[in-house]
Amino acid sequence: MMQSQWRTDRTLIEMAKIVMMKSGGRAEEYINHYMDGTGTPKYFMASQLLNEDSGVSRGFINAINNEAKKSPMKPGQKGRYWVKQEYYTNKDWWMALGSFPLDWVYMGERQSNGTTMLELTISGKNEYKWHPDEDRETKLVHQAADRLRHPQTNVLDILQPTQPAANFWMYATPCTYLVPYSGAYAY
């Protein structure tokens, strides 16, 4: 029997999961959710990402400090920090989220043991989707995953999908995060 493109693509995704993803991890959970095709959103705590990935938290803290050094921050001031894929040190978070925006709102300052802490509310959202046209080492996986949203099946293939894969929104639920301020204001 001739295999459909769907089966070939599905096999490639299953192989990528085995080779690249932690069994039972967030990345595996998210790709399985994509493959299930419901399209319902997934939620995680923004603080969990920052606490579990030192590369993300280090980059975020540096970005906030750089912003604060430009001029004093004002309560209600907003900004966005893009977590780029190369910033991750936790492969499970990287494989689950890819590039992800963290939106922040400055709430004020606090003193803690003689250190100025910048209090922020952090949240974020991004669509879980694949990028089949971008040049990258995993381009074939991206192409296969993207095709699964519109599978080309063979009517004789009894394993054909009952529901195609679907993009979904990922939400980082809001949290309060304290950033140690590391310098003097530049004013």
Foldseek 3Di string as FASTA:
>chain_A
DDFFLLVVLVVVLVVCCVPQHDVPFLLVVQLVQLAVAPQEEAEDAPVVQLVVWVLVVVVVLVVVLVVCQAAHDDFFDKDKDWDALVSGPDSRCSSNPHIWIKIKTWHAWDADPNWIKTKIKIKTKDKDAADLPDDDPCNSNSVSLRCQQPTDGDPVPPPDDPHGGDIYMYMHDIDIDIRTRDDDHND
